[in-house]
PDB file of N, CA and C in Angstrom:
ATOM      1  N   MET A   1      77.133 130.336 111.435  1.00  0.00           N
ATOM      2  CA  MET A   1      76.945 129.394 112.430  1.00  0.00           C
ATOM      3  C   MET A   1      75.960 129.947 113.542  1.00  0.00           C
ATOM      4  N   LEU A   2      74.925 129.303 113.939  1.00  0.00           N
ATOM      5  CA  LEU A   2      74.175 129.711 115.129  1.00  0.00           C
ATOM      6  C   LEU A   2      74.666 128.940 116.353  1.00  0.00           C
ATOM      7  N   HIS A   3      75.054 129.669 117.395  1.00  0.00           N
ATOM      8  CA  HIS A   3      75.572 129.206 118.610  1.00  0.00           C
ATOM      9  C   HIS A   3      74.315 129.108 119.622  1.00  0.00           C
ATOM     10  N   VAL A   4      74.058 127.828 119.972  1.00  0.00           N
ATOM     11  CA  VAL A   4      72.902 127.703 121.002  1.00  0.00           C
ATOM     12  C   VAL A   4      73.339 127.219 122.345  1.00  0.00           C
ATOM     13  N   LYS A   5      73.005 127.885 123.347  1.00  0.00           N
ATOM     14  CA  LYS A   5      73.282 127.338 124.788  1.00  0.00           C
ATOM     15  C   LYS A   5      72.273 126.336 125.166  1.00  0.00           C
ATOM     16  N   THR A   6      72.706 125.174 125.594  1.00  0.00           N
ATOM     17  CA  THR A   6      71.783 124.149 126.145  1.00  0.00           C
ATOM     18  C   THR A   6      72.282 123.854 127.554  1.00  0.00           C
ATOM     19  N   PRO A   7      71.519 123.110 128.335  1.00  0.00           N
ATOM     20  CA  PRO A   7      71.849 122.680 129.702  1.00  0.00           C
ATOM     21  C   PRO A   7      73.155 121.859 129.723  1.00  0.00           C
ATOM     22  N   SER A   8      73.388 121.091 128.629  1.00  0.00           N
ATOM     23  CA  SER A   8      74.535 120.148 128.680  1.00  0.00           C
ATOM     24  C   SER A   8      75.655 120.791 127.918  1.00  0.00           C
ATOM     25  N   GLY A   9      75.522 121.946 127.354  1.00  0.00           N
ATOM     26  CA  GLY A   9      76.666 122.609 126.628  1.00  0.00           C
ATOM     27  C   GLY A   9      76.331 123.457 125.506  1.00  0.00           C
ATOM     28  N   ASN A  10      77.197 123.875 124.677  1.00  0.00           N
ATOM     29  CA  ASN A  10      77.018 124.689 123.505  1.00  0.00           C
ATOM     30  C   ASN A  10      76.949 123.881 122.285  1.00  0.00           C
ATOM     31  N   ILE A  11      76.005 124.250 121.387  1.00  0.00           N
ATOM     32  CA  ILE A  11      75.874 123.483 120.089  1.00  0.00           C
ATOM     33  C   ILE A  11      75.947 124.535 118.995  1.00  0.00           C
ATOM     34  N   TYR A  12      76.699 124.270 117.962  1.00  0.00           N
ATOM     35  CA  TYR A  12      76.794 125.183 116.796  1.00  0.00           C
ATOM     36  C   TYR A  12      76.093 124.548 115.621  1.00  0.00           C
ATOM     37  N   TYR A  13      75.265 125.201 115.125  1.00  0.00           N
ATOM     38  CA  TYR A  13      74.437 124.789 113.927  1.00  0.00           C
ATOM     39  C   TYR A  13      74.749 125.649 112.633  1.00  0.00           C
ATOM     40  N   ASN A  14      74.881 124.987 111.483  1.00  0.00           N
ATOM     41  CA  ASN A  14      75.028 125.831 110.291  1.00  0.00           C
ATOM     42  C   ASN A  14      73.664 126.377 110.029  1.00  0.00           C
ATOM     43  N   GLU A  15      73.589 127.714 109.719  1.00  0.00           N
ATOM     44  CA  GLU A  15      72.406 128.303 109.501  1.00  0.00           C
ATOM     45  C   GLU A  15      71.620 127.734 108.326  1.00  0.00           C
ATOM     46  N   GLU A  16      72.338 127.401 107.258  1.00  0.00           N
ATOM     47  CA  GLU A  16      71.664 126.849 106.116  1.00  0.00           C
ATOM     48  C   GLU A  16      71.014 125.488 106.431  1.00  0.00           C
ATOM     49  N   LEU A  17      71.610 124.683 107.308  1.00  0.00           N
ATOM     50  CA  LEU A  17      70.944 123.381 107.770  1.00  0.00           C
ATOM     51  C   LEU A  17      69.569 123.679 108.364  1.00  0.00           C
ATOM     52  N   ILE A  18      69.501 124.609 109.235  1.00  0.00           N
ATOM     53  CA  ILE A  18      68.228 124.916 109.873  1.00  0.00           C
ATOM     54  C   ILE A  18      67.359 125.461 108.843  1.00  0.00           C
ATOM     55  N   LYS A  19      67.728 126.374 107.994  1.00  0.00           N
ATOM     56  CA  LYS A  19      66.772 126.876 106.928  1.00  0.00           C
ATOM     57  C   LYS A  19      66.209 125.842 106.027  1.00  0.00           C
ATOM     58  N   ASN A  20      67.143 124.934 105.646  1.00  0.00           N
ATOM     59  CA  ASN A  20      66.681 123.705 104.798  1.00  0.00           C
ATOM     60  C   ASN A  20      65.627 122.933 105.412  1.00  0.00           C
ATOM     61  N   ILE A  21      65.916 122.719 106.651  1.00  0.00           N
ATOM     62  CA  ILE A  21      64.812 121.899 107.455  1.00  0.00           C
ATOM     63  C   ILE A  21      63.532 122.450 107.564  1.00  0.00           C
ATOM     64  N   VAL A  22      63.489 123.900 107.874  1.00  0.00           N
ATOM     65  CA  VAL A  22      62.372 124.617 107.822  1.00  0.00           C
ATOM     66  C   VAL A  22      61.728 124.643 106.451  1.00  0.00           C
ATOM     67  N   ALA A  23      62.456 124.958 105.503  1.00  0.00           N
ATOM     68  CA  ALA A  23      61.924 124.842 104.095  1.00  0.00           C
ATOM     69  C   ALA A  23      61.270 123.526 103.559  1.00  0.00           C
ATOM     70  N   LEU A  24      61.876 122.538 103.893  1.00  0.00           N
ATOM     71  CA  LEU A  24      61.315 121.207 103.566  1.00  0.00           C
ATOM     72  C   LEU A  24      60.088 120.996 104.321  1.00  0.00           C
ATOM     73  N   ALA A  25      60.150 121.311 105.654  1.00  0.00           N
ATOM     74  CA  ALA A  25      58.891 121.165 106.426  1.00  0.00           C
ATOM     75  C   ALA A  25      57.617 121.984 105.837  1.00  0.00           C
ATOM     76  N   THR A  26      58.003 123.236 105.456  1.00  0.00           N
ATOM     77  CA  THR A  26      57.073 124.086 104.880  1.00  0.00           C
ATOM     78  C   THR A  26      56.489 123.468 103.521  1.00  0.00           C
ATOM     79  N   MET A  27      57.317 123.134 102.696  1.00  0.00           N
ATOM     80  CA  MET A  27      56.846 122.507 101.402  1.00  0.00           C
ATOM     81  C   MET A  27      56.050 121.322 101.577  1.00  0.00           C
ATOM     82  N   GLU A  28      56.137 120.583 102.722  1.00  0.00           N
ATOM     83  CA  GLU A  28      55.212 119.505 103.093  1.00  0.00           C
ATOM     84  C   GLU A  28      53.808 119.800 103.157  1.00  0.00           C
ATOM     85  N   CYS A  29      53.456 121.037 103.361  1.00  0.00           N
ATOM     86  CA  CYS A  29      52.074 121.520 103.443  1.00  0.00           C
ATOM     87  C   CYS A  29      51.507 121.541 102.055  1.00  0.00           C
ATOM     88  N   ASN A  30      50.333 120.728 101.790  1.00  0.00           N
ATOM     89  CA  ASN A  30      49.807 120.537 100.530  1.00  0.00           C
ATOM     90  C   ASN A  30      49.360 121.958  99.828  1.00  0.00           C
ATOM     91  N   ASN A  31      49.040 122.917 100.547  1.00  0.00           N
ATOM     92  CA  ASN A  31      48.581 124.226 100.159  1.00  0.00           C
ATOM     93  C   ASN A  31      49.655 125.202  99.851  1.00  0.00           C
ATOM     94  N   VAL A  32      50.931 124.847  99.990  1.00  0.00           N
ATOM     95  CA  VAL A  32      51.952 125.903  99.764  1.00  0.00           C
ATOM     96  C   VAL A  32      52.434 125.477  98.364  1.00  0.00           C
ATOM     97  N   VAL A  33      52.539 126.534  97.585  1.00  0.00           N
ATOM     98  CA  VAL A  33      53.013 126.423  96.163  1.00  0.00           C
ATOM     99  C   VAL A  33      54.406 126.503  96.101  1.00  0.00           C
ATOM    100  N   GLY A  34      54.974 127.446  96.952  1.00  0.00           N
ATOM    101  CA  GLY A  34      56.502 127.562  96.954  1.00  0.00           C
ATOM    102  C   GLY A  34      56.794 128.617  97.917  1.00  0.00           C
ATOM    103  N   LEU A  35      58.198 128.844  98.123  1.00  0.00           N
ATOM    104  CA  LEU A  35      58.751 129.723  99.056  1.00  0.00           C
ATOM    105  C   LEU A  35      58.961 131.016  98.176  1.00  0.00           C
ATOM    106  N   ALA A  36      58.843 132.104  98.707  1.00  0.00           N
ATOM    107  CA  ALA A  36      59.130 133.509  98.040  1.00  0.00           C
ATOM    108  C   ALA A  36      60.342 134.182  98.831  1.00  0.00           C
ATOM    109  N   ASN A  37      61.140 134.816  98.094  1.00  0.00           N
ATOM    110  CA  ASN A  37      62.145 135.621  98.933  1.00  0.00           C
ATOM    111  C   ASN A  37      61.569 136.865  99.464  1.00  0.00           C
ATOM    112  N   ARG A  38      62.248 137.470 100.295  1.00  0.00           N
ATOM    113  CA  ARG A  38      61.693 138.641 100.977  1.00  0.00           C
ATOM    114  C   ARG A  38      61.376 139.845 100.131  1.00  0.00           C
ATOM    115  N   ASN A  39      61.644 139.739  98.924  1.00  0.00           N
ATOM    116  CA  ASN A  39      61.466 140.796  97.922  1.00  0.00           C
ATOM    117  C   ASN A  39      60.205 140.542  97.102  1.00  0.00           C
ATOM    118  N   PHE A  40      59.287 139.570  97.678  1.00  0.00           N
ATOM    119  CA  PHE A  40      57.892 139.274  97.076  1.00  0.00           C
ATOM    120  C   PHE A  40      58.040 138.591  95.835  1.00  0.00           C
ATOM    121  N   LYS A  41      59.148 137.913  95.489  1.00  0.00           N
ATOM    122  CA  LYS A  41      59.245 137.249  94.315  1.00  0.00           C
ATOM    123  C   LYS A  41      59.415 135.603  94.559  1.00  0.00           C
ATOM    124  N   GLU A  42      58.839 134.814  93.879  1.00  0.00           N
ATOM    125  CA  GLU A  42      58.972 133.348  94.003  1.00  0.00           C
ATOM    126  C   GLU A  42      60.288 133.095  93.639  1.00  0.00           C
ATOM    127  N   ASP A  43      60.957 132.164  94.402  1.00  0.00           N
ATOM    128  CA  ASP A  43      62.321 131.819  94.208  1.00  0.00           C
ATOM    129  C   ASP A  43      62.562 130.399  94.716  1.00  0.00           C
ATOM    130  N   ASN A  44      62.381 129.429  93.779  1.00  0.00           N
ATOM    131  CA  ASN A  44      62.526 127.948  94.227  1.00  0.00           C
ATOM    132  C   ASN A  44      63.969 127.540  93.834  1.00  0.00           C
ATOM    133  N   SER A  45      64.855 128.503  93.301  1.00  0.00           N
ATOM    134  CA  SER A  45      66.153 128.082  92.949  1.00  0.00           C
ATOM    135  C   SER A  45      66.971 127.800  94.281  1.00  0.00           C
ATOM    136  N   ASN A  46      66.729 128.462  95.271  1.00  0.00           N
ATOM    137  CA  ASN A  46      67.533 128.288  96.537  1.00  0.00           C
ATOM    138  C   ASN A  46      66.423 127.977  97.635  1.00  0.00           C
ATOM    139  N   LEU A  47      66.509 126.853  97.987  1.00  0.00           N
ATOM    140  CA  LEU A  47      65.592 126.229  99.062  1.00  0.00           C
ATOM    141  C   LEU A  47      65.321 127.173 100.181  1.00  0.00           C
ATOM    142  N   SER A  48      66.301 127.840 100.815  1.00  0.00           N
ATOM    143  CA  SER A  48      66.254 128.614 101.925  1.00  0.00           C
ATOM    144  C   SER A  48      66.057 130.062 101.745  1.00  0.00           C
ATOM    145  N   SER A  49      65.766 130.485 100.462  1.00  0.00           N
ATOM    146  CA  SER A  49      65.531 131.884 100.268  1.00  0.00           C
ATOM    147  C   SER A  49      64.389 132.577 100.899  1.00  0.00           C
ATOM    148  N   GLY A  50      63.393 131.825 101.161  1.00  0.00           N
ATOM    149  CA  GLY A  50      62.216 132.335 101.829  1.00  0.00           C
ATOM    150  C   GLY A  50      62.174 132.105 103.245  1.00  0.00           C
ATOM    151  N   ILE A  51      63.265 131.859 103.895  1.00  0.00           N
ATOM    152  CA  ILE A  51      63.436 131.532 105.368  1.00  0.00           C
ATOM    153  C   ILE A  51      64.300 132.560 106.071  1.00  0.00           C
ATOM    154  N   LYS A  52      63.967 133.057 107.208  1.00  0.00           N
ATOM    155  CA  LYS A  52      64.731 133.933 107.934  1.00  0.00           C
ATOM    156  C   LYS A  52      64.746 133.445 109.361  1.00  0.00           C
ATOM    157  N   ILE A  53      65.950 133.206 109.992  1.00  0.00           N
ATOM    158  CA  ILE A  53      65.975 132.741 111.291  1.00  0.00           C
ATOM    159  C   ILE A  53      66.872 133.517 112.188  1.00  0.00           C
ATOM    160  N   ASN A  54      66.613 133.728 113.407  1.00  0.00           N
ATOM    161  CA  ASN A  54      67.559 134.298 114.428  1.00  0.00           C
ATOM    162  C   ASN A  54      67.320 133.770 115.771  1.00  0.00           C
ATOM    163  N   LEU A  55      68.144 133.906 116.672  1.00  0.00           N
ATOM    164  CA  LEU A  55      67.935 133.454 118.067  1.00  0.00           C
ATOM    165  C   LEU A  55      67.477 134.483 118.968  1.00  0.00           C
ATOM    166  N   THR A  56      66.906 133.965 120.088  1.00  0.00           N
ATOM    167  CA  THR A  56      66.441 135.035 121.122  1.00  0.00           C
ATOM    168  C   THR A  56      67.648 135.529 121.847  1.00  0.00           C
ATOM    169  N   GLU A  57      67.625 136.581 122.505  1.00  0.00           N
ATOM    170  CA  GLU A  57      68.661 137.275 123.183  1.00  0.00           C
ATOM    171  C   GLU A  57      69.500 136.265 124.073  1.00  0.00           C
ATOM    172  N   ASP A  58      68.827 135.348 124.716  1.00  0.00           N
ATOM    173  CA  ASP A  58      69.641 134.450 125.537  1.00  0.00           C
ATOM    174  C   ASP A  58      70.175 133.274 124.881  1.00  0.00           C
ATOM    175  N   LYS A  59      69.953 133.184 123.466  1.00  0.00           N
ATOM    176  CA  LYS A  59      70.618 132.268 122.606  1.00  0.00           C
ATOM    177  C   LYS A  59      70.122 130.771 122.792  1.00  0.00           C
ATOM    178  N   SER A  60      68.765 130.752 123.385  1.00  0.00           N
ATOM    179  CA  SER A  60      68.271 129.426 123.768  1.00  0.00           C
ATOM    180  C   SER A  60      67.042 129.014 122.799  1.00  0.00           C
ATOM    181  N   LYS A  61      66.522 129.939 122.034  1.00  0.00           N
ATOM    182  CA  LYS A  61      65.419 129.569 121.230  1.00  0.00           C
ATOM    183  C   LYS A  61      65.420 130.246 119.934  1.00  0.00           C
ATOM    184  N   LEU A  62      64.706 129.647 118.902  1.00  0.00           N
ATOM    185  CA  LEU A  62      64.666 130.121 117.461  1.00  0.00           C
ATOM    186  C   LEU A  62      63.504 130.990 117.189  1.00  0.00           C
ATOM    187  N   ASN A  63      63.533 132.041 116.455  1.00  0.00           N
ATOM    188  CA  ASN A  63      62.605 132.902 115.895  1.00  0.00           C
ATOM    189  C   ASN A  63      62.755 132.611 114.390  1.00  0.00           C
ATOM    190  N   ILE A  64      61.589 132.235 113.745  1.00  0.00           N
ATOM    191  CA  ILE A  64      61.576 131.774 112.383  1.00  0.00           C
ATOM    192  C   ILE A  64      60.548 132.543 111.676  1.00  0.00           C
ATOM    193  N   HIS A  65      60.909 133.150 110.530  1.00  0.00           N
ATOM    194  CA  HIS A  65      60.047 133.728 109.565  1.00  0.00           C
ATOM    195  C   HIS A  65      60.031 133.049 108.176  1.00  0.00           C
ATOM    196  N   VAL A  66      58.888 132.789 107.710  1.00  0.00           N
ATOM    197  CA  VAL A  66      58.824 132.012 106.545  1.00  0.00           C
ATOM    198  C   VAL A  66      57.914 132.773 105.577  1.00  0.00           C
ATOM    199  N   PHE A  67      58.428 132.878 104.281  1.00  0.00           N
ATOM    200  CA  PHE A  67      57.689 133.669 103.261  1.00  0.00           C
ATOM    201  C   PHE A  67      57.221 132.641 102.147  1.00  0.00           C
ATOM    202  N   VAL A  68      55.864 132.500 102.018  1.00  0.00           N
ATOM    203  CA  VAL A  68      55.359 131.588 101.214  1.00  0.00           C
ATOM    204  C   VAL A  68      54.354 132.110 100.195  1.00  0.00           C
ATOM    205  N   ILE A  69      54.133 131.305  99.053  1.00  0.00           N
ATOM    206  CA  ILE A  69      53.073 131.420  98.112  1.00  0.00           C
ATOM    207  C   ILE A  69      52.127 130.357  98.329  1.00  0.00           C
ATOM    208  N   ILE A  70      50.801 130.643  98.431  1.00  0.00           N
ATOM    209  CA  ILE A  70      49.976 129.470  98.691  1.00  0.00           C
ATOM    210  C   ILE A  70      48.917 129.322  97.462  1.00  0.00           C
ATOM    211  N   LYS A  71      48.127 128.307  97.610  1.00  0.00           N
ATOM    212  CA  LYS A  71      47.244 128.022  96.656  1.00  0.00           C
ATOM    213  C   LYS A  71      45.852 128.762  96.949  1.00  0.00           C
ATOM    214  N   TYR A  72      45.178 129.219  95.891  1.00  0.00           N
ATOM    215  CA  TYR A  72      43.943 129.868  96.166  1.00  0.00           C
ATOM    216  C   TYR A  72      42.857 128.994  96.513  1.00  0.00           C
ATOM    217  N   GLY A  73      41.986 129.569  97.430  1.00  0.00           N
ATOM    218  CA  GLY A  73      40.830 128.702  97.711  1.00  0.00           C
ATOM    219  C   GLY A  73      40.788 128.022  99.085  1.00  0.00           C
ATOM    220  N   ILE A  74      41.694 128.193  99.846  1.00  0.00           N
ATOM    221  CA  ILE A  74      41.891 127.567 101.251  1.00  0.00           C
ATOM    222  C   ILE A  74      42.129 128.702 102.254  1.00  0.00           C
ATOM    223  N   LYS A  75      41.450 128.645 103.351  1.00  0.00           N
ATOM    224  CA  LYS A  75      41.468 129.689 104.387  1.00  0.00           C
ATOM    225  C   LYS A  75      43.050 129.847 104.832  1.00  0.00           C
ATOM    226  N   ILE A  76      43.452 131.107 104.791  1.00  0.00           N
ATOM    227  CA  ILE A  76      44.755 131.403 105.177  1.00  0.00           C
ATOM    228  C   ILE A  76      45.240 131.155 106.582  1.00  0.00           C
ATOM    229  N   SER A  77      44.305 131.149 107.474  1.00  0.00           N
ATOM    230  CA  SER A  77      44.540 130.694 108.755  1.00  0.00           C
ATOM    231  C   SER A  77      44.793 129.284 108.970  1.00  0.00           C
ATOM    232  N   ILE A  78      44.175 128.423 108.187  1.00  0.00           N
ATOM    233  CA  ILE A  78      44.243 127.067 108.215  1.00  0.00           C
ATOM    234  C   ILE A  78      45.674 126.732 107.670  1.00  0.00           C
ATOM    235  N   ILE A  79      46.036 127.279 106.577  1.00  0.00           N
ATOM    236  CA  ILE A  79      47.419 127.024 105.951  1.00  0.00           C
ATOM    237  C   ILE A  79      48.533 127.509 106.861  1.00  0.00           C
ATOM    238  N   ALA A  80      48.430 128.572 107.434  1.00  0.00           N
ATOM    239  CA  ALA A  80      49.420 129.206 108.343  1.00  0.00           C
ATOM    240  C   ALA A  80      49.583 128.206 109.460  1.00  0.00           C
ATOM    241  N   SER A  81      48.449 127.781 110.115  1.00  0.00           N
ATOM    242  CA  SER A  81      48.494 126.841 111.213  1.00  0.00           C
ATOM    243  C   SER A  81      49.214 125.528 110.822  1.00  0.00           C
ATOM    244  N   ASP A  82      48.862 125.024 109.806  1.00  0.00           N
ATOM    245  CA  ASP A  82      49.561 123.829 109.242  1.00  0.00           C
ATOM    246  C   ASP A  82      51.042 124.004 109.071  1.00  0.00           C
ATOM    247  N   ILE A  83      51.441 125.133 108.567  1.00  0.00           N
ATOM    248  CA  ILE A  83      52.795 125.415 108.317  1.00  0.00           C
ATOM    249  C   ILE A  83      53.547 125.526 109.623  1.00  0.00           C
ATOM    250  N   ILE A  84      52.944 126.104 110.562  1.00  0.00           N
ATOM    251  CA  ILE A  84      53.551 126.320 111.875  1.00  0.00           C
ATOM    252  C   ILE A  84      53.733 124.957 112.608  1.00  0.00           C
ATOM    253  N   HIS A  85      52.755 124.159 112.500  1.00  0.00           N
ATOM    254  CA  HIS A  85      52.754 122.758 113.071  1.00  0.00           C
ATOM    255  C   HIS A  85      53.936 121.919 112.336  1.00  0.00           C
ATOM    256  N   LEU A  86      54.082 121.929 111.076  1.00  0.00           N
ATOM    257  CA  LEU A  86      54.928 121.208 110.482  1.00  0.00           C
ATOM    258  C   LEU A  86      56.421 121.626 110.703  1.00  0.00           C
ATOM    259  N   ILE A  87      56.670 122.993 110.887  1.00  0.00           N
ATOM    260  CA  ILE A  87      57.890 123.482 111.167  1.00  0.00           C
ATOM    261  C   ILE A  87      58.335 123.143 112.606  1.00  0.00           C
ATOM    262  N   LYS A  88      57.454 123.403 113.472  1.00  0.00           N
ATOM    263  CA  LYS A  88      57.678 123.101 114.937  1.00  0.00           C
ATOM    264  C   LYS A  88      58.042 121.624 115.153  1.00  0.00           C
ATOM    265  N   ASP A  89      57.260 120.721 114.539  1.00  0.00           N
ATOM    266  CA  ASP A  89      57.524 119.303 114.560  1.00  0.00           C
ATOM    267  C   ASP A  89      58.928 118.953 114.095  1.00  0.00           C
ATOM    268  N   SER A  90      59.245 119.445 112.889  1.00  0.00           N
ATOM    269  CA  SER A  90      60.450 119.087 112.356  1.00  0.00           C
ATOM    270  C   SER A  90      61.753 119.667 112.973  1.00  0.00           C
ATOM    271  N   VAL A  91      61.653 120.997 113.280  1.00  0.00           N
ATOM    272  CA  VAL A  91      62.885 121.433 114.123  1.00  0.00           C
ATOM    273  C   VAL A  91      62.990 120.797 115.466  1.00  0.00           C
ATOM    274  N   GLU A  92      61.993 120.634 116.165  1.00  0.00           N
ATOM    275  CA  GLU A  92      62.154 119.959 117.473  1.00  0.00           C
ATOM    276  C   GLU A  92      62.496 118.557 117.360  1.00  0.00           C
ATOM    277  N   ARG A  93      62.051 117.914 116.281  1.00  0.00           N
ATOM    278  CA  ARG A  93      62.420 116.366 116.048  1.00  0.00           C
ATOM    279  C   ARG A  93      63.748 116.172 115.638  1.00  0.00           C
ATOM    280  N   PHE A  94      64.202 116.916 114.617  1.00  0.00           N
ATOM    281  CA  PHE A  94      65.523 116.771 113.925  1.00  0.00           C
ATOM    282  C   PHE A  94      66.661 117.481 114.729  1.00  0.00           C
ATOM    283  N   LEU A  95      66.440 118.595 115.184  1.00  0.00           N
ATOM    284  CA  LEU A  95      67.437 119.456 115.791  1.00  0.00           C
ATOM    285  C   LEU A  95      67.374 119.576 117.301  1.00  0.00           C
ATOM    286  N   GLU A  96      66.326 119.240 117.906  1.00  0.00           N
ATOM    287  CA  GLU A  96      66.060 119.312 119.398  1.00  0.00           C
ATOM    288  C   GLU A  96      66.302 120.766 119.816  1.00  0.00           C
ATOM    289  N   LEU A  97      65.698 121.707 118.975  1.00  0.00           N
ATOM    290  CA  LEU A  97      65.884 123.082 119.236  1.00  0.00           C
ATOM    291  C   LEU A  97      64.493 123.661 119.686  1.00  0.00           C
ATOM    292  N   SER A  98      64.488 124.569 120.676  1.00  0.00           N
ATOM    293  CA  SER A  98      63.197 125.081 121.072  1.00  0.00           C
ATOM    294  C   SER A  98      62.800 126.387 120.226  1.00  0.00           C
ATOM    295  N   ILE A  99      61.525 126.512 119.952  1.00  0.00           N
ATOM    296  CA  ILE A  99      61.229 127.613 119.152  1.00  0.00           C
ATOM    297  C   ILE A  99      60.526 128.752 120.006  1.00  0.00           C
ATOM    298  N   ASN A 100      60.908 129.911 119.803  1.00  0.00           N
ATOM    299  CA  ASN A 100      60.351 130.998 120.525  1.00  0.00           C
ATOM    300  C   ASN A 100      58.956 131.537 119.623  1.00  0.00           C
ATOM    301  N   SER A 101      59.214 131.650 118.304  1.00  0.00           N
ATOM    302  CA  SER A 101      58.168 132.126 117.443  1.00  0.00           C
ATOM    303  C   SER A 101      58.289 131.708 116.123  1.00  0.00           C
ATOM    304  N   ILE A 102      57.102 131.487 115.411  1.00  0.00           N
ATOM    305  CA  ILE A 102      57.083 131.267 113.983  1.00  0.00           C
ATOM    306  C   ILE A 102      56.162 132.175 113.346  1.00  0.00           C
ATOM    307  N   VAL A 103      56.675 132.932 112.437  1.00  0.00           N
ATOM    308  CA  VAL A 103      55.863 133.921 111.642  1.00  0.00           C
ATOM    309  C   VAL A 103      55.781 133.501 110.260  1.00  0.00           C
ATOM    310  N   VAL A 104      54.462 133.360 109.730  1.00  0.00           N
ATOM    311  CA  VAL A 104      54.249 132.890 108.332  1.00  0.00           C
ATOM    312  C   VAL A 104      53.770 134.194 107.721  1.00  0.00           C
ATOM    313  N   ASN A 105      54.559 134.569 106.485  1.00  0.00           N
ATOM    314  CA  ASN A 105      54.266 135.702 105.760  1.00  0.00           C
ATOM    315  C   ASN A 105      53.625 135.132 104.486  1.00  0.00           C
ATOM    316  N   ILE A 106      52.413 135.418 104.149  1.00  0.00           N
ATOM    317  CA  ILE A 106      51.819 135.053 102.917  1.00  0.00           C
ATOM    318  C   ILE A 106      52.184 136.203 101.871  1.00  0.00           C
ATOM    319  N   GLN A 107      53.072 135.748 100.914  1.00  0.00           N
ATOM    320  CA  GLN A 107      53.575 136.647  99.906  1.00  0.00           C
ATOM    321  C   GLN A 107      52.826 136.762  98.647  1.00  0.00           C
ATOM    322  N   GLY A 108      51.913 135.715  98.405  1.00  0.00           N
ATOM    323  CA  GLY A 108      51.254 135.737  97.125  1.00  0.00           C
ATOM    324  C   GLY A 108      50.344 134.453  97.166  1.00  0.00           C
ATOM    325  N   ILE A 109      49.310 134.464  96.264  1.00  0.00           N
ATOM    326  CA  ILE A 109      48.293 133.431  96.145  1.00  0.00           C
ATOM    327  C   ILE A 109      48.413 133.061  94.716  1.00  0.00           C
ATOM    328  N   ARG A 110      48.284 131.742  94.285  1.00  0.00           N
ATOM    329  CA  ARG A 110      48.357 131.287  92.936  1.00  0.00           C
ATOM    330  C   ARG A 110      47.034 130.430  92.811  1.00  0.00           C
ATOM    331  N   TYR A 111      46.353 130.714  91.684  1.00  0.00           N
ATOM    332  CA  TYR A 111      45.307 129.999  91.264  1.00  0.00           C
ATOM    333  C   TYR A 111      45.820 128.777  90.486  1.00  0.00           C
ATOM    334  N   GLU A 112      45.455 127.483  90.883  1.00  0.00           N
ATOM    335  CA  GLU A 112      45.850 126.392  90.173  1.00  0.00           C
ATOM    336  C   GLU A 112      44.615 125.464  89.776  1.00  0.00           C
ATOM    337  N   ASN A 113      44.563 125.133  88.540  1.00  0.00           N
ATOM    338  CA  ASN A 113      43.438 124.226  88.066  1.00  0.00           C
ATOM    339  C   ASN A 113      43.604 122.724  88.615  1.00  0.00           C
TER     340      ASN A 113
END
């Protein structure tokens, strides 16, 4: 459970819930082939295997790390920017949580016909 302090009180979030929302937002990006676990292997069996989250010291904001495999042929900076925007929008809209940082780790590139 993640314990978040808000002006109106404390909220407890299941970590898997947050990871699943981040994973679904990431997969909405057309140029993402899949999530990768942190051991550099593609792992679509567990939706949240390519997501790492933690809170800032004051427990008010999220730090998010996403590990992805992308399609060949698109600028990495554009894909990363799209992923960041999708995650930020989803987390803030569904969970009303503030984000401190989002780090996109490109673990691999796949060529698709």
